[in-house]
Structure formats: structure tokens, C-alpha cells
Amino acid sequence: GAGGRTVSPEKLERIREAAGQLKYHPNDAAQQLGRSTTQSDRRTYNIGAILDAGTRYSDPFWPTVLDGVAEELVRQQYHLRFTLIRDDLKNDRQRQLLSSLFVDGLLLLGSYTLAHDIANLDRPEHVVLIIGEDRIRWETDLRYDVVTMEKHAAIDQVVEHLVAQGRRRIGYVGPPPGDDRRGVAFINALAHYDVPFNPGLVAESRFSA
């Protein structure tokens, strides 16, 4: 056993028979805890996710992201143990799930402010933010890894593709330049590819219904 004690062959056989009757399957996370000698050695092979949303699926963008996260975790022999929303952190039982006893890391999706919400909670060492605000990486004092989109590069690629298709009247639907970098990136991309900017083809929107 984990404590170094031996078990007689007869007793071991009876244990195996009982386990078979009960359809018992060993829990990998529990076995890892038993084998580990220090906290840093312990792995649960679980990852938790916290979503900045009113409900788990209020934004159609994030379910697709979560599907991709779950698929990649399986490939890495990990499991997405839970997906919480910000309001769930008000519940003591839900906050306990963030402990390193249950997960090896946390994904924070949607807003860098989630990092402040968990700052004083019992949580694993490894935390990654997946957000849409690219400037957050340089304009805050976050101590976590950040996965975000390069909005300037993305808009430039879109305009380049349309120009390659012979398009010259190119419009923009999205947040205003003061709220998001895509607006400025769009104007810069038009200038880069020598396409005239037409204010009549711009519709400001915050991507909400």
C-alpha cells in the first residue's frame, strides 16, 4: 500500500473481488495525492474555468472557446472540472472548488477583472487569462499569463483579404475607436492598402442584441 504495508494474497484477492462486484474504478487524482510527498508534486489533472458572464452561455462566443479548451485538455490528459461564472464566486462551496486540492490551474475568460476577484482566495499557482482586450498585457500589473487576440493584425488581415478579392468599398461594424482598437485598426488598414475611407460604411456597435 501507500504506507509500505504488505497485504496477504488471500486478503488482496477478496478485496479485488469486492471491488469488481461494486464496479469500483480507482480515482487517478486521489492516487496522485497519495503518492505525492509535497504540495508541489501533487496533480489533480483537473483545470477550472471562470467566465465573466451573467449566465454560462449568455455570450455565443465563449461556448465555442470552452469546447476548444476542453478538447485540448483531453489531448493533454487533463479534464475541465468546472465552469463557473463571476456570481458563483459569492458562494462559499463554489469558491472552495478553486483550491489546489481540486484543480491544478484556472482559466479566467472574458475580463482581466476576474483576476482581482480571485486574488485573495485559495487558488492554484497557475492562472491564465483568455480575454479580448489586447492592451491589457501592457496596461495593467497582472502577474498571470494572458491569451488574447491581436486586433490590429486581425483587422489588417481581413482588409488585405478583401482587397485581394478586388473589393474597394469596405465597411466596418464594431465598437467605436474610443472603446476598442479595432476601429482604429480598420482606418489604418484602409490607408495601408490605399482604400478610401467612407464614413457612411461605418456602423458602431457593441456586439449586443
N, C-alpha and C. Protein backbone atom coordinates (compact mmCIF):
# COMPACT_ATOMS: atom_id res chain seq x y z
N GLY A 1 0.82 -1.20 0.00
CA GLY A 1 0.00 0.00 0.00
C GLY A 1 0.86 1.24 0.00
N ALA A 2 0.20 2.45 0.06
CA ALA A 2 0.94 3.71 0.02
C ALA A 2 1.82 3.86 1.24
N GLY A 3 1.45 3.24 2.38
CA GLY A 3 2.23 3.35 3.59
C GLY A 3 3.31 2.30 3.70
N GLY A 4 3.46 1.43 2.70
CA GLY A 4 4.51 0.44 2.70
C GLY A 4 4.14 -0.86 3.36
N ARG A 5 2.89 -1.01 3.83
CA ARG A 5 2.47 -2.26 4.47
C ARG A 5 2.06 -3.28 3.42
N THR A 6 2.35 -4.55 3.71
CA THR A 6 2.01 -5.62 2.77
C THR A 6 0.64 -6.20 3.13
N VAL A 7 0.00 -6.78 2.11
CA VAL A 7 -1.31 -7.42 2.28
C VAL A 7 -1.18 -8.86 1.81
N SER A 8 -1.74 -9.79 2.56
CA SER A 8 -1.64 -11.20 2.19
C SER A 8 -2.34 -11.44 0.86
N PRO A 9 -1.87 -12.41 0.06
CA PRO A 9 -2.50 -12.71 -1.23
C PRO A 9 -3.99 -13.01 -1.09
N GLU A 10 -4.38 -13.74 -0.01
CA GLU A 10 -5.78 -14.08 0.18
C GLU A 10 -6.64 -12.84 0.40
N LYS A 11 -6.15 -11.93 1.24
CA LYS A 11 -6.91 -10.71 1.51
C LYS A 11 -6.98 -9.83 0.26
N LEU A 12 -5.87 -9.78 -0.49
CA LEU A 12 -5.85 -8.98 -1.71
C LEU A 12 -6.86 -9.50 -2.72
N GLU A 13 -6.99 -10.83 -2.81
CA GLU A 13 -7.95 -11.42 -3.74
C GLU A 13 -9.37 -11.08 -3.33
N ARG A 14 -9.66 -11.10 -2.02
CA ARG A 14 -11.00 -10.76 -1.54
C ARG A 14 -11.32 -9.29 -1.83
N ILE A 15 -10.31 -8.45 -1.68
CA ILE A 15 -10.50 -7.02 -1.96
C ILE A 15 -10.82 -6.80 -3.44
N ARG A 16 -10.10 -7.52 -4.30
CA ARG A 16 -10.33 -7.38 -5.74
C ARG A 16 -11.71 -7.88 -6.13
N GLU A 17 -12.15 -8.97 -5.50
CA GLU A 17 -13.49 -9.49 -5.79
C GLU A 17 -14.55 -8.49 -5.37
N ALA A 18 -14.38 -7.90 -4.18
CA ALA A 18 -15.35 -6.92 -3.71
C ALA A 18 -15.37 -5.69 -4.62
N ALA A 19 -14.18 -5.25 -5.05
CA ALA A 19 -14.10 -4.09 -5.94
C ALA A 19 -14.79 -4.38 -7.26
N GLY A 20 -14.63 -5.62 -7.76
CA GLY A 20 -15.29 -6.00 -9.01
C GLY A 20 -16.80 -6.00 -8.87
N GLN A 21 -17.31 -6.51 -7.76
CA GLN A 21 -18.75 -6.54 -7.53
C GLN A 21 -19.33 -5.13 -7.44
N LEU A 22 -18.56 -4.22 -6.84
CA LEU A 22 -19.01 -2.83 -6.68
C LEU A 22 -18.72 -1.98 -7.92
N LYS A 23 -18.05 -2.59 -8.94
CA LYS A 23 -17.65 -1.87 -10.15
C LYS A 23 -16.80 -0.65 -9.80
N TYR A 24 -15.89 -0.86 -8.87
CA TYR A 24 -15.02 0.21 -8.41
C TYR A 24 -13.91 0.47 -9.42
N HIS A 25 -13.64 1.77 -9.67
CA HIS A 25 -12.53 2.16 -10.52
C HIS A 25 -11.68 3.17 -9.75
N PRO A 26 -10.37 2.98 -9.71
CA PRO A 26 -9.50 3.91 -8.97
C PRO A 26 -9.62 5.33 -9.50
N ASN A 27 -9.53 6.29 -8.60
CA ASN A 27 -9.55 7.70 -8.96
C ASN A 27 -8.11 8.17 -9.13
N ASP A 28 -7.77 8.60 -10.35
CA ASP A 28 -6.38 9.00 -10.63
C ASP A 28 -5.93 10.15 -9.75
N ALA A 29 -6.83 11.13 -9.54
CA ALA A 29 -6.45 12.29 -8.73
C ALA A 29 -6.17 11.89 -7.30
N ALA A 30 -7.01 11.01 -6.74
CA ALA A 30 -6.81 10.56 -5.37
C ALA A 30 -5.51 9.76 -5.24
N GLN A 31 -5.22 8.92 -6.22
CA GLN A 31 -3.99 8.15 -6.17
C GLN A 31 -2.77 9.06 -6.25
N GLN A 32 -2.87 10.10 -7.06
CA GLN A 32 -1.76 11.03 -7.17
C GLN A 32 -1.49 11.73 -5.85
N LEU A 33 -2.58 12.11 -5.14
CA LEU A 33 -2.42 12.75 -3.84
C LEU A 33 -1.74 11.81 -2.86
N GLY A 34 -2.09 10.53 -2.93
CA GLY A 34 -1.50 9.55 -2.03
C GLY A 34 -0.02 9.33 -2.31
N ARG A 35 0.35 9.40 -3.59
CA ARG A 35 1.74 9.16 -3.96
C ARG A 35 2.63 10.36 -3.71
N SER A 36 2.05 11.56 -3.70
CA SER A 36 2.84 12.77 -3.61
C SER A 36 3.32 13.01 -2.19
N THR A 37 4.49 13.54 -2.07
CA THR A 37 5.07 13.82 -0.76
C THR A 37 5.03 15.31 -0.42
N THR A 38 4.95 16.17 -1.43
CA THR A 38 4.86 17.60 -1.20
C THR A 38 3.74 18.18 -2.03
N GLN A 39 3.28 19.38 -1.62
CA GLN A 39 2.18 20.01 -2.33
C GLN A 39 2.54 20.28 -3.79
N SER A 40 3.82 20.63 -4.06
CA SER A 40 4.21 20.94 -5.43
C SER A 40 4.21 19.71 -6.32
N ASP A 41 4.31 18.50 -5.72
CA ASP A 41 4.31 17.27 -6.51
C ASP A 41 2.90 16.84 -6.89
N ARG A 42 1.92 17.33 -6.19
CA ARG A 42 0.55 16.83 -6.36
C ARG A 42 -0.10 17.39 -7.61
N ARG A 43 -0.74 16.52 -8.35
CA ARG A 43 -1.50 16.94 -9.52
C ARG A 43 -2.87 16.29 -9.47
N THR A 44 -3.86 17.07 -9.81
CA THR A 44 -5.22 16.52 -9.89
C THR A 44 -5.59 16.20 -11.33
N TYR A 45 -4.84 16.75 -12.29
CA TYR A 45 -5.15 16.63 -13.72
C TYR A 45 -6.52 17.22 -14.03
N ASN A 46 -6.89 18.24 -13.24
CA ASN A 46 -8.12 18.99 -13.45
C ASN A 46 -7.79 20.47 -13.62
N ILE A 47 -8.58 21.13 -14.47
CA ILE A 47 -8.47 22.57 -14.66
C ILE A 47 -9.87 23.16 -14.45
N GLY A 48 -9.94 24.32 -13.81
CA GLY A 48 -11.22 25.01 -13.64
C GLY A 48 -11.28 26.25 -14.50
N ALA A 49 -12.49 26.67 -14.86
CA ALA A 49 -12.69 27.87 -15.67
C ALA A 49 -13.70 28.78 -15.00
N ILE A 50 -13.43 30.08 -15.07
CA ILE A 50 -14.35 31.09 -14.54
C ILE A 50 -14.66 32.05 -15.67
N LEU A 51 -15.94 32.25 -15.93
CA LEU A 51 -16.40 33.04 -17.07
C LEU A 51 -17.00 34.35 -16.60
N ASP A 52 -16.60 35.43 -17.23
CA ASP A 52 -17.16 36.75 -16.92
C ASP A 52 -18.46 36.93 -17.70
N ALA A 53 -19.55 36.43 -17.15
CA ALA A 53 -20.83 36.49 -17.85
C ALA A 53 -21.97 36.41 -16.84
N GLY A 54 -23.13 36.93 -17.22
CA GLY A 54 -24.30 36.85 -16.35
C GLY A 54 -24.81 35.43 -16.22
N THR A 55 -24.73 34.69 -17.33
CA THR A 55 -25.07 33.26 -17.31
C THR A 55 -23.98 32.55 -18.09
N ARG A 56 -23.90 31.24 -17.94
CA ARG A 56 -22.82 30.49 -18.55
C ARG A 56 -22.78 30.64 -20.08
N TYR A 57 -23.94 30.82 -20.71
CA TYR A 57 -23.96 30.86 -22.18
C TYR A 57 -24.67 32.12 -22.68
N SER A 58 -24.51 33.24 -21.95
CA SER A 58 -25.14 34.48 -22.38
C SER A 58 -24.44 35.09 -23.60
N ASP A 59 -23.18 34.75 -23.80
CA ASP A 59 -22.42 35.24 -24.95
C ASP A 59 -22.10 34.06 -25.86
N PRO A 60 -22.55 34.07 -27.11
CA PRO A 60 -22.33 32.91 -28.00
C PRO A 60 -20.86 32.68 -28.33
N PHE A 61 -20.00 33.62 -28.02
CA PHE A 61 -18.58 33.46 -28.34
C PHE A 61 -17.90 32.43 -27.44
N TRP A 62 -18.23 32.43 -26.15
CA TRP A 62 -17.47 31.64 -25.18
C TRP A 62 -17.74 30.14 -25.21
N PRO A 63 -18.96 29.67 -25.51
CA PRO A 63 -19.14 28.21 -25.60
C PRO A 63 -18.18 27.55 -26.58
N THR A 64 -17.94 28.21 -27.72
CA THR A 64 -17.00 27.65 -28.71
C THR A 64 -15.59 27.61 -28.13
N VAL A 65 -15.21 28.68 -27.42
CA VAL A 65 -13.89 28.71 -26.79
C VAL A 65 -13.77 27.59 -25.77
N LEU A 66 -14.81 27.41 -24.94
CA LEU A 66 -14.79 26.37 -23.91
C LEU A 66 -14.71 24.98 -24.53
N ASP A 67 -15.39 24.78 -25.65
CA ASP A 67 -15.30 23.49 -26.35
C ASP A 67 -13.86 23.22 -26.78
N GLY A 68 -13.21 24.25 -27.32
CA GLY A 68 -11.82 24.08 -27.74
C GLY A 68 -10.90 23.83 -26.56
N VAL A 69 -11.15 24.52 -25.45
CA VAL A 69 -10.35 24.31 -24.24
C VAL A 69 -10.49 22.87 -23.75
N ALA A 70 -11.74 22.40 -23.69
CA ALA A 70 -11.99 21.04 -23.20
C ALA A 70 -11.32 20.00 -24.09
N GLU A 71 -11.39 20.19 -25.40
CA GLU A 71 -10.77 19.23 -26.33
C GLU A 71 -9.25 19.20 -26.15
N GLU A 72 -8.65 20.37 -25.99
CA GLU A 72 -7.19 20.41 -25.83
C GLU A 72 -6.78 19.81 -24.49
N LEU A 73 -7.56 20.03 -23.45
CA LEU A 73 -7.25 19.45 -22.15
C LEU A 73 -7.27 17.92 -22.23
N VAL A 74 -8.24 17.38 -22.94
CA VAL A 74 -8.30 15.92 -23.10
C VAL A 74 -7.05 15.42 -23.80
N ARG A 75 -6.60 16.15 -24.82
CA ARG A 75 -5.38 15.73 -25.53
C ARG A 75 -4.16 15.77 -24.61
N GLN A 76 -4.21 16.67 -23.64
CA GLN A 76 -3.10 16.78 -22.69
C GLN A 76 -3.33 15.91 -21.45
N GLN A 77 -4.36 15.05 -21.51
CA GLN A 77 -4.70 14.14 -20.42
C GLN A 77 -5.14 14.90 -19.17
N TYR A 78 -5.81 16.01 -19.38
CA TYR A 78 -6.42 16.78 -18.30
C TYR A 78 -7.93 16.81 -18.50
N HIS A 79 -8.62 17.40 -17.52
CA HIS A 79 -10.08 17.43 -17.56
C HIS A 79 -10.56 18.80 -17.09
N LEU A 80 -11.57 19.35 -17.78
CA LEU A 80 -12.19 20.60 -17.35
C LEU A 80 -13.19 20.27 -16.25
N ARG A 81 -12.81 20.48 -15.01
CA ARG A 81 -13.62 20.03 -13.88
C ARG A 81 -14.89 20.86 -13.69
N PHE A 82 -14.79 22.18 -13.88
CA PHE A 82 -15.98 23.01 -13.69
C PHE A 82 -15.85 24.28 -14.52
N THR A 83 -17.01 24.88 -14.80
CA THR A 83 -17.08 26.20 -15.40
C THR A 83 -17.98 27.05 -14.53
N LEU A 84 -17.42 28.04 -13.87
CA LEU A 84 -18.18 28.93 -13.01
C LEU A 84 -18.37 30.28 -13.71
N ILE A 85 -19.35 31.04 -13.26
CA ILE A 85 -19.48 32.42 -13.68
C ILE A 85 -19.13 33.32 -12.50
N ARG A 86 -18.95 34.58 -12.76
CA ARG A 86 -18.48 35.50 -11.71
C ARG A 86 -19.35 35.44 -10.45
N ASP A 87 -20.66 35.41 -10.63
CA ASP A 87 -21.56 35.40 -9.47
C ASP A 87 -21.39 34.15 -8.61
N ASP A 88 -20.90 33.06 -9.20
CA ASP A 88 -20.69 31.83 -8.43
C ASP A 88 -19.66 32.03 -7.33
N LEU A 89 -18.77 33.01 -7.49
CA LEU A 89 -17.73 33.24 -6.50
C LEU A 89 -18.28 33.80 -5.19
N LYS A 90 -19.55 34.18 -5.19
CA LYS A 90 -20.18 34.64 -3.95
C LYS A 90 -20.56 33.47 -3.04
N ASN A 91 -20.55 32.27 -3.60
CA ASN A 91 -20.96 31.08 -2.86
C ASN A 91 -19.74 30.38 -2.27
N ASP A 92 -19.79 30.13 -0.95
CA ASP A 92 -18.64 29.51 -0.27
C ASP A 92 -18.27 28.17 -0.88
N ARG A 93 -19.27 27.33 -1.15
CA ARG A 93 -18.99 26.00 -1.68
C ARG A 93 -18.35 26.08 -3.06
N GLN A 94 -18.82 27.02 -3.87
CA GLN A 94 -18.22 27.17 -5.20
C GLN A 94 -16.80 27.69 -5.11
N ARG A 95 -16.54 28.62 -4.18
CA ARG A 95 -15.18 29.15 -4.04
C ARG A 95 -14.21 28.06 -3.61
N GLN A 96 -14.66 27.10 -2.84
CA GLN A 96 -13.79 26.02 -2.39
C GLN A 96 -13.25 25.20 -3.57
N LEU A 97 -13.99 25.17 -4.68
CA LEU A 97 -13.55 24.40 -5.84
C LEU A 97 -12.27 24.96 -6.45
N LEU A 98 -11.96 26.23 -6.15
CA LEU A 98 -10.78 26.86 -6.73
C LEU A 98 -9.49 26.38 -6.07
N SER A 99 -9.59 25.67 -4.98
CA SER A 99 -8.41 25.23 -4.24
C SER A 99 -7.53 24.31 -5.08
N SER A 100 -6.22 24.35 -4.81
CA SER A 100 -5.29 23.46 -5.49
C SER A 100 -5.50 22.00 -5.12
N LEU A 101 -6.34 21.75 -4.12
CA LEU A 101 -6.70 20.36 -3.80
C LEU A 101 -7.57 19.76 -4.90
N PHE A 102 -8.25 20.63 -5.67
CA PHE A 102 -9.20 20.16 -6.67
C PHE A 102 -8.75 20.42 -8.11
N VAL A 103 -7.97 21.47 -8.33
CA VAL A 103 -7.54 21.81 -9.69
C VAL A 103 -6.08 22.22 -9.68
N ASP A 104 -5.42 21.99 -10.81
CA ASP A 104 -4.02 22.38 -10.97
C ASP A 104 -3.87 23.79 -11.51
N GLY A 105 -4.94 24.33 -12.07
CA GLY A 105 -4.86 25.66 -12.64
C GLY A 105 -6.24 26.21 -12.93
N LEU A 106 -6.30 27.51 -13.20
CA LEU A 106 -7.56 28.18 -13.51
C LEU A 106 -7.44 28.95 -14.82
N LEU A 107 -8.53 28.93 -15.60
CA LEU A 107 -8.66 29.77 -16.78
C LEU A 107 -9.69 30.85 -16.46
N LEU A 108 -9.33 32.10 -16.65
CA LEU A 108 -10.24 33.22 -16.46
C LEU A 108 -10.61 33.76 -17.83
N LEU A 109 -11.89 33.71 -18.18
CA LEU A 109 -12.31 34.04 -19.54
C LEU A 109 -13.20 35.28 -19.56
N GLY A 110 -12.81 36.26 -20.37
CA GLY A 110 -13.70 37.37 -20.65
C GLY A 110 -13.27 38.71 -20.10
N SER A 111 -12.61 38.74 -18.93
CA SER A 111 -12.25 40.03 -18.35
C SER A 111 -11.08 39.86 -17.39
N TYR A 112 -10.14 40.80 -17.47
CA TYR A 112 -8.99 40.76 -16.56
C TYR A 112 -9.40 41.04 -15.12
N THR A 113 -10.59 41.64 -14.91
CA THR A 113 -11.02 41.93 -13.54
C THR A 113 -11.31 40.66 -12.74
N LEU A 114 -11.49 39.54 -13.41
CA LEU A 114 -11.65 38.28 -12.69
C LEU A 114 -10.42 37.96 -11.85
N ALA A 115 -9.25 38.44 -12.32
CA ALA A 115 -8.02 38.20 -11.55
C ALA A 115 -8.09 38.87 -10.19
N HIS A 116 -8.74 40.04 -10.13
CA HIS A 116 -8.89 40.71 -8.84
C HIS A 116 -9.90 39.98 -7.96
N ASP A 117 -10.89 39.37 -8.59
CA ASP A 117 -11.93 38.65 -7.82
C ASP A 117 -11.36 37.45 -7.09
N ILE A 118 -10.33 36.82 -7.64
CA ILE A 118 -9.78 35.61 -7.02
C ILE A 118 -8.48 35.88 -6.26
N ALA A 119 -8.07 37.15 -6.23
CA ALA A 119 -6.75 37.48 -5.68
C ALA A 119 -6.57 36.98 -4.25
N ASN A 120 -7.60 37.06 -3.43
CA ASN A 120 -7.48 36.70 -2.02
C ASN A 120 -8.10 35.35 -1.69
N LEU A 121 -8.38 34.57 -2.71
CA LEU A 121 -8.99 33.25 -2.50
C LEU A 121 -7.93 32.16 -2.54
N ASP A 122 -8.23 31.04 -1.91
CA ASP A 122 -7.36 29.87 -2.01
C ASP A 122 -7.45 29.35 -3.44
N ARG A 123 -6.35 29.35 -4.15
CA ARG A 123 -6.36 29.01 -5.58
C ARG A 123 -5.02 28.42 -5.97
N PRO A 124 -4.97 27.74 -7.12
CA PRO A 124 -3.69 27.17 -7.58
C PRO A 124 -2.74 28.26 -8.05
N GLU A 125 -1.49 27.90 -8.19
CA GLU A 125 -0.47 28.85 -8.61
C GLU A 125 -0.65 29.27 -10.06
N HIS A 126 -1.10 28.34 -10.91
CA HIS A 126 -1.15 28.60 -12.35
C HIS A 126 -2.52 29.16 -12.75
N VAL A 127 -2.51 30.40 -13.25
CA VAL A 127 -3.72 31.08 -13.69
C VAL A 127 -3.45 31.70 -15.06
N VAL A 128 -4.38 31.49 -16.01
CA VAL A 128 -4.25 32.04 -17.35
C VAL A 128 -5.51 32.81 -17.69
N LEU A 129 -5.35 34.02 -18.23
CA LEU A 129 -6.49 34.81 -18.68
C LEU A 129 -6.67 34.66 -20.18
N ILE A 130 -7.92 34.46 -20.61
CA ILE A 130 -8.26 34.46 -22.03
C ILE A 130 -9.24 35.60 -22.23
N ILE A 131 -8.78 36.67 -22.84
CA ILE A 131 -9.59 37.88 -22.93
C ILE A 131 -9.46 38.47 -24.33
N GLY A 132 -10.34 39.43 -24.64
CA GLY A 132 -10.32 40.04 -25.95
C GLY A 132 -9.63 41.38 -25.99
N GLU A 133 -9.15 41.86 -24.86
CA GLU A 133 -8.54 43.19 -24.79
C GLU A 133 -7.03 43.07 -24.85
N ASP A 134 -6.46 43.27 -26.02
CA ASP A 134 -5.03 43.03 -26.19
C ASP A 134 -4.15 43.99 -25.39
N ARG A 135 -4.59 45.21 -25.15
CA ARG A 135 -3.73 46.17 -24.45
C ARG A 135 -3.58 45.86 -22.97
N ILE A 136 -4.42 44.96 -22.44
CA ILE A 136 -4.34 44.61 -21.03
C ILE A 136 -2.95 44.11 -20.66
N ARG A 137 -2.30 43.45 -21.60
CA ARG A 137 -0.98 42.87 -21.30
C ARG A 137 0.03 43.92 -20.89
N TRP A 138 -0.13 45.14 -21.38
CA TRP A 138 0.87 46.17 -21.10
C TRP A 138 0.36 47.25 -20.15
N GLU A 139 -0.96 47.36 -19.98
CA GLU A 139 -1.51 48.49 -19.24
C GLU A 139 -1.99 48.13 -17.84
N THR A 140 -1.72 46.92 -17.37
CA THR A 140 -2.10 46.54 -16.02
C THR A 140 -0.91 45.86 -15.35
N ASP A 141 -1.06 45.61 -14.06
CA ASP A 141 0.01 44.97 -13.31
C ASP A 141 -0.27 43.49 -13.08
N LEU A 142 -0.96 42.85 -14.02
CA LEU A 142 -1.29 41.44 -13.90
C LEU A 142 -0.03 40.60 -13.82
N ARG A 143 -0.10 39.55 -13.00
CA ARG A 143 1.04 38.65 -12.86
C ARG A 143 0.74 37.28 -13.46
N TYR A 144 -0.25 37.23 -14.36
CA TYR A 144 -0.65 35.97 -14.96
C TYR A 144 -0.34 35.97 -16.45
N ASP A 145 -0.28 34.78 -17.03
CA ASP A 145 -0.18 34.68 -18.48
C ASP A 145 -1.50 35.10 -19.11
N VAL A 146 -1.42 35.70 -20.28
CA VAL A 146 -2.61 36.21 -20.96
C VAL A 146 -2.66 35.68 -22.39
N VAL A 147 -3.81 35.15 -22.77
CA VAL A 147 -4.07 34.76 -24.16
C VAL A 147 -5.11 35.74 -24.70
N THR A 148 -4.76 36.44 -25.76
CA THR A 148 -5.68 37.44 -26.29
C THR A 148 -5.53 37.50 -27.80
N MET A 149 -6.32 38.34 -28.43
CA MET A 149 -6.25 38.47 -29.88
C MET A 149 -5.49 39.73 -30.27
N GLU A 150 -4.72 39.61 -31.33
CA GLU A 150 -4.01 40.76 -31.87
C GLU A 150 -4.96 41.49 -32.82
N LYS A 151 -5.67 42.46 -32.28
CA LYS A 151 -6.75 43.09 -33.04
C LYS A 151 -6.24 43.84 -34.26
N HIS A 152 -5.13 44.52 -34.13
CA HIS A 152 -4.58 45.23 -35.29
C HIS A 152 -4.24 44.25 -36.41
N ALA A 153 -3.56 43.18 -36.05
CA ALA A 153 -3.16 42.20 -37.06
C ALA A 153 -4.38 41.53 -37.69
N ALA A 154 -5.39 41.23 -36.86
CA ALA A 154 -6.59 40.56 -37.37
C ALA A 154 -7.33 41.43 -38.38
N ILE A 155 -7.53 42.70 -38.03
CA ILE A 155 -8.23 43.61 -38.93
C ILE A 155 -7.43 43.82 -40.21
N ASP A 156 -6.12 43.94 -40.08
CA ASP A 156 -5.27 44.11 -41.25
C ASP A 156 -5.40 42.91 -42.20
N GLN A 157 -5.44 41.72 -41.66
CA GLN A 157 -5.58 40.52 -42.49
C GLN A 157 -6.93 40.48 -43.20
N VAL A 158 -7.98 40.92 -42.50
CA VAL A 158 -9.32 40.94 -43.12
C VAL A 158 -9.34 41.90 -44.30
N VAL A 159 -8.82 43.11 -44.08
CA VAL A 159 -8.81 44.11 -45.15
C VAL A 159 -7.92 43.64 -46.31
N GLU A 160 -6.77 43.06 -45.98
CA GLU A 160 -5.89 42.55 -47.03
C GLU A 160 -6.60 41.50 -47.89
N HIS A 161 -7.36 40.62 -47.24
CA HIS A 161 -8.08 39.58 -47.97
C HIS A 161 -9.13 40.20 -48.90
N LEU A 162 -9.88 41.16 -48.39
CA LEU A 162 -10.92 41.79 -49.21
C LEU A 162 -10.32 42.54 -50.40
N VAL A 163 -9.21 43.21 -50.15
CA VAL A 163 -8.55 43.94 -51.25
C VAL A 163 -8.05 42.95 -52.31
N ALA A 164 -7.54 41.82 -51.87
CA ALA A 164 -7.06 40.80 -52.80
C ALA A 164 -8.20 40.24 -53.64
N GLN A 165 -9.44 40.32 -53.12
CA GLN A 165 -10.62 39.87 -53.87
C GLN A 165 -11.17 40.97 -54.78
N GLY A 166 -10.48 42.11 -54.81
CA GLY A 166 -10.91 43.20 -55.68
C GLY A 166 -11.92 44.14 -55.04
N ARG A 167 -12.13 44.04 -53.77
CA ARG A 167 -13.11 44.91 -53.09
C ARG A 167 -12.49 46.26 -52.77
N ARG A 168 -13.28 47.33 -53.01
CA ARG A 168 -12.80 48.68 -52.72
C ARG A 168 -13.75 49.42 -51.78
N ARG A 169 -14.99 49.00 -51.73
CA ARG A 169 -15.94 49.59 -50.77
C ARG A 169 -16.03 48.64 -49.57
N ILE A 170 -15.30 48.97 -48.54
CA ILE A 170 -15.19 48.08 -47.37
C ILE A 170 -15.77 48.80 -46.16
N GLY A 171 -16.71 48.17 -45.51
CA GLY A 171 -17.36 48.76 -44.34
C GLY A 171 -16.86 48.14 -43.04
N TYR A 172 -17.31 48.74 -41.95
CA TYR A 172 -16.91 48.29 -40.61
C TYR A 172 -18.11 48.33 -39.68
N VAL A 173 -18.34 47.22 -38.99
CA VAL A 173 -19.36 47.15 -37.94
C VAL A 173 -18.64 46.69 -36.68
N GLY A 174 -18.62 47.53 -35.66
CA GLY A 174 -17.91 47.16 -34.45
C GLY A 174 -17.87 48.30 -33.45
N PRO A 175 -17.18 48.10 -32.34
CA PRO A 175 -17.10 49.13 -31.30
C PRO A 175 -16.43 50.40 -31.82
N PRO A 176 -16.79 51.55 -31.28
CA PRO A 176 -16.16 52.80 -31.71
C PRO A 176 -14.69 52.83 -31.32
N PRO A 177 -13.88 53.59 -32.04
CA PRO A 177 -12.44 53.61 -31.78
C PRO A 177 -12.07 53.93 -30.34
N GLY A 178 -12.87 54.74 -29.66
CA GLY A 178 -12.57 55.07 -28.28
C GLY A 178 -12.73 53.92 -27.31
N ASP A 179 -13.50 52.91 -27.72
CA ASP A 179 -13.77 51.77 -26.84
C ASP A 179 -12.94 50.54 -27.19
N ASP A 180 -12.44 50.47 -28.40
CA ASP A 180 -11.81 49.24 -28.85
C ASP A 180 -10.82 49.57 -29.97
N ARG A 181 -9.75 48.80 -30.05
CA ARG A 181 -8.70 49.09 -31.02
C ARG A 181 -9.05 48.71 -32.45
N ARG A 182 -10.12 47.95 -32.63
CA ARG A 182 -10.44 47.51 -33.99
C ARG A 182 -10.85 48.66 -34.89
N GLY A 183 -11.51 49.68 -34.31
CA GLY A 183 -11.91 50.82 -35.12
C GLY A 183 -10.72 51.56 -35.71
N VAL A 184 -9.74 51.83 -34.87
CA VAL A 184 -8.52 52.49 -35.34
C VAL A 184 -7.76 51.59 -36.31
N ALA A 185 -7.71 50.29 -35.99
CA ALA A 185 -7.01 49.35 -36.86
C ALA A 185 -7.64 49.31 -38.25
N PHE A 186 -8.96 49.45 -38.33
CA PHE A 186 -9.65 49.43 -39.61
C PHE A 186 -9.24 50.63 -40.46
N ILE A 187 -9.23 51.81 -39.86
CA ILE A 187 -8.84 53.02 -40.59
C ILE A 187 -7.39 52.91 -41.06
N ASN A 188 -6.53 52.42 -40.19
CA ASN A 188 -5.11 52.27 -40.56
C ASN A 188 -4.94 51.25 -41.69
N ALA A 189 -5.71 50.17 -41.64
CA ALA A 189 -5.60 49.14 -42.67
C ALA A 189 -6.05 49.67 -44.04
N LEU A 190 -7.12 50.47 -44.04
CA LEU A 190 -7.57 51.05 -45.31
C LEU A 190 -6.47 51.92 -45.90
N ALA A 191 -5.84 52.75 -45.06
CA ALA A 191 -4.77 53.61 -45.55
C ALA A 191 -3.59 52.77 -46.06
N HIS A 192 -3.31 51.69 -45.36
CA HIS A 192 -2.17 50.84 -45.73
C HIS A 192 -2.35 50.24 -47.12
N TYR A 193 -3.61 49.86 -47.44
CA TYR A 193 -3.88 49.21 -48.73
C TYR A 193 -4.48 50.19 -49.74
N ASP A 194 -4.37 51.50 -49.43
CA ASP A 194 -4.79 52.57 -50.35
C ASP A 194 -6.26 52.42 -50.74
N VAL A 195 -7.09 52.16 -49.73
CA VAL A 195 -8.54 52.06 -49.93
C VAL A 195 -9.19 53.29 -49.29
N PRO A 196 -10.06 54.00 -50.00
CA PRO A 196 -10.68 55.21 -49.42
C PRO A 196 -11.58 54.87 -48.23
N PHE A 197 -11.51 55.70 -47.21
CA PHE A 197 -12.36 55.53 -46.03
C PHE A 197 -13.67 56.26 -46.26
N ASN A 198 -14.78 55.56 -46.10
CA ASN A 198 -16.12 56.11 -46.30
C ASN A 198 -16.88 56.04 -44.97
N PRO A 199 -17.08 57.17 -44.29
CA PRO A 199 -17.80 57.15 -43.01
C PRO A 199 -19.19 56.56 -43.12
N GLY A 200 -19.78 56.62 -44.31
CA GLY A 200 -21.12 56.07 -44.50
C GLY A 200 -21.14 54.55 -44.42
N LEU A 201 -19.99 53.92 -44.49
CA LEU A 201 -19.91 52.46 -44.42
C LEU A 201 -19.48 51.98 -43.03
N VAL A 202 -19.56 52.86 -42.05
CA VAL A 202 -19.19 52.52 -40.68
C VAL A 202 -20.42 52.53 -39.79
N ALA A 203 -20.64 51.43 -39.08
CA ALA A 203 -21.75 51.33 -38.13
C ALA A 203 -21.18 50.91 -36.78
N GLU A 204 -21.28 51.79 -35.82
CA GLU A 204 -20.74 51.49 -34.49
C GLU A 204 -21.70 50.59 -33.73
N SER A 205 -21.14 49.55 -33.13
CA SER A 205 -21.95 48.57 -32.42
C SER A 205 -21.13 47.98 -31.28
N ARG A 206 -21.79 47.59 -30.20
CA ARG A 206 -21.11 46.95 -29.09
C ARG A 206 -21.34 45.44 -29.06
N PHE A 207 -21.73 44.89 -30.21
CA PHE A 207 -21.93 43.44 -30.35
C PHE A 207 -22.98 42.91 -29.39
N SER A 208 -23.98 43.69 -29.07
CA SER A 208 -25.05 43.22 -28.18
C SER A 208 -26.37 43.22 -28.94
N ALA A 209 -27.26 42.34 -28.49
CA ALA A 209 -28.57 42.26 -29.14
C ALA A 209 -29.45 43.43 -28.76
